[in-house]
Amino acid sequence: MSSTPGDKRNMIVAVPGTVTIALVLLQLVAAVVAAWVAWPAFAAVPVTVLAAVTVVLELPRWRWLASR
């Protein structure tokens, strides 16, 4: 629904890059917390690892978004 101009083709609401970064981080934190609350450790660990990998892979995009 929201997007930083230049980040995606279609956007409904234009927001600054920092807002986009914050929304992605909020989703990742919610996923990790929910996994640890709802599931046993053997299921929550992969969610946590995937969230950490996502953060590492998003860093170049976040640097670009932060400059917007």
C-alpha atoms as a PDB file:
ATOM      1  CA  MET A   1       0.000   0.000   0.000  1.00  0.00           C
ATOM      2  CA  SER A   2       2.727   2.503   0.914  1.00  0.00           C
ATOM      3  CA  SER A   3       5.997   2.821  -0.929  1.00  0.00           C
ATOM      4  CA  THR A   4       8.930   5.146  -1.340  1.00  0.00           C
ATOM      5  CA  PRO A   5       8.948   6.848  -4.750  1.00  0.00           C
ATOM      6  CA  GLY A   6      11.360   4.993  -7.027  1.00  0.00           C
ATOM      7  CA  ASP A   7      11.304   1.794  -4.936  1.00  0.00           C
ATOM      8  CA  LYS A   8       8.348   0.102  -6.626  1.00  0.00           C
ATOM      9  CA  ARG A   9       6.273   0.706  -9.743  1.00  0.00           C
ATOM     10  CA  ASN A  10       2.836   0.954  -8.153  1.00  0.00           C
ATOM     11  CA  MET A  11       2.181   2.907  -5.002  1.00  0.00           C
ATOM     12  CA  ILE A  12      -0.940   4.168  -3.328  1.00  0.00           C
ATOM     13  CA  VAL A  13       0.652   6.280  -0.597  1.00  0.00           C
ATOM     14  CA  ALA A  14       4.106   7.815  -0.972  1.00  0.00           C
ATOM     15  CA  VAL A  15       6.182   7.682   2.221  1.00  0.00           C
ATOM     16  CA  PRO A  16       9.796   8.542   3.047  1.00  0.00           C
ATOM     17  CA  GLY A  17      12.376   5.768   2.916  1.00  0.00           C
ATOM     18  CA  THR A  18      12.739   5.704   6.689  1.00  0.00           C
ATOM     19  CA  VAL A  19       9.047   4.831   7.026  1.00  0.00           C
ATOM     20  CA  THR A  20       9.445   1.949   4.590  1.00  0.00           C
ATOM     21  CA  ILE A  21      12.445   0.672   6.564  1.00  0.00           C
ATOM     22  CA  ALA A  22      10.537   0.965   9.839  1.00  0.00           C
ATOM     23  CA  LEU A  23       7.576  -0.969   8.434  1.00  0.00           C
ATOM     24  CA  VAL A  24       9.803  -3.802   7.229  1.00  0.00           C
ATOM     25  CA  LEU A  25      11.570  -3.948  10.606  1.00  0.00           C
ATOM     26  CA  LEU A  26       8.216  -3.959  12.406  1.00  0.00           C
ATOM     27  CA  GLN A  27       7.069  -6.931  10.324  1.00  0.00           C
ATOM     28  CA  LEU A  28      10.290  -8.840  10.979  1.00  0.00           C
ATOM     29  CA  VAL A  29      10.182  -8.179  14.724  1.00  0.00           C
ATOM     30  CA  ALA A  30       6.504  -9.200  14.850  1.00  0.00           C
ATOM     31  CA  ALA A  31       7.291 -12.439  13.015  1.00  0.00           C
ATOM     32  CA  VAL A  32      10.136 -13.343  15.368  1.00  0.00           C
ATOM     33  CA  VAL A  33       8.228 -12.467  18.544  1.00  0.00           C
ATOM     34  CA  ALA A  34       5.111 -14.303  17.385  1.00  0.00           C
ATOM     35  CA  ALA A  35       7.153 -17.369  16.453  1.00  0.00           C
ATOM     36  CA  TRP A  36       8.772 -17.537  19.902  1.00  0.00           C
ATOM     37  CA  VAL A  37       5.438 -17.003  21.665  1.00  0.00           C
ATOM     38  CA  ALA A  38       3.395 -19.435  19.587  1.00  0.00           C
ATOM     39  CA  TRP A  39       5.817 -22.188  18.588  1.00  0.00           C
ATOM     40  CA  PRO A  40       8.424 -24.402  20.220  1.00  0.00           C
ATOM     41  CA  ALA A  41      12.074 -23.420  19.816  1.00  0.00           C
ATOM     42  CA  PHE A  42      12.735 -25.856  16.955  1.00  0.00           C
ATOM     43  CA  ALA A  43      10.175 -23.964  14.867  1.00  0.00           C
ATOM     44  CA  ALA A  44      11.006 -20.445  16.096  1.00  0.00           C
ATOM     45  CA  VAL A  45      14.746 -20.709  15.421  1.00  0.00           C
ATOM     46  CA  PRO A  46      14.349 -20.928  11.617  1.00  0.00           C
ATOM     47  CA  VAL A  47      12.040 -17.899  11.660  1.00  0.00           C
ATOM     48  CA  THR A  48      14.653 -15.963  13.620  1.00  0.00           C
ATOM     49  CA  VAL A  49      17.432 -17.041  11.250  1.00  0.00           C
ATOM     50  CA  LEU A  50      15.363 -16.065   8.202  1.00  0.00           C
ATOM     51  CA  ALA A  51      14.594 -12.681   9.737  1.00  0.00           C
ATOM     52  CA  ALA A  52      18.305 -12.099  10.363  1.00  0.00           C
ATOM     53  CA  VAL A  53      19.167 -13.111   6.796  1.00  0.00           C
ATOM     54  CA  THR A  54      16.467 -10.756   5.537  1.00  0.00           C
ATOM     55  CA  VAL A  55      18.003  -7.870   7.475  1.00  0.00           C
ATOM     56  CA  VAL A  56      21.434  -8.572   5.974  1.00  0.00           C
ATOM     57  CA  LEU A  57      20.030  -8.839   2.447  1.00  0.00           C
ATOM     58  CA  GLU A  58      17.921  -5.687   2.861  1.00  0.00           C
ATOM     59  CA  LEU A  59      20.864  -3.495   3.947  1.00  0.00           C
ATOM     60  CA  PRO A  60      21.746  -2.223   0.437  1.00  0.00           C
ATOM     61  CA  ARG A  61      18.106  -1.366  -0.241  1.00  0.00           C
ATOM     62  CA  TRP A  62      17.771   0.293   3.161  1.00  0.00           C
ATOM     63  CA  ARG A  63      20.833   2.431   2.484  1.00  0.00           C
ATOM     64  CA  TRP A  64      19.234   3.560  -0.749  1.00  0.00           C
ATOM     65  CA  LEU A  65      15.865   4.146   0.944  1.00  0.00           C
ATOM     66  CA  ALA A  66      17.498   6.115   3.758  1.00  0.00           C
ATOM     67  CA  SER A  67      18.862   8.523   1.174  1.00  0.00           C
ATOM     68  CA  ARG A  68      15.346   9.258  -0.128  1.00  0.00           C
END
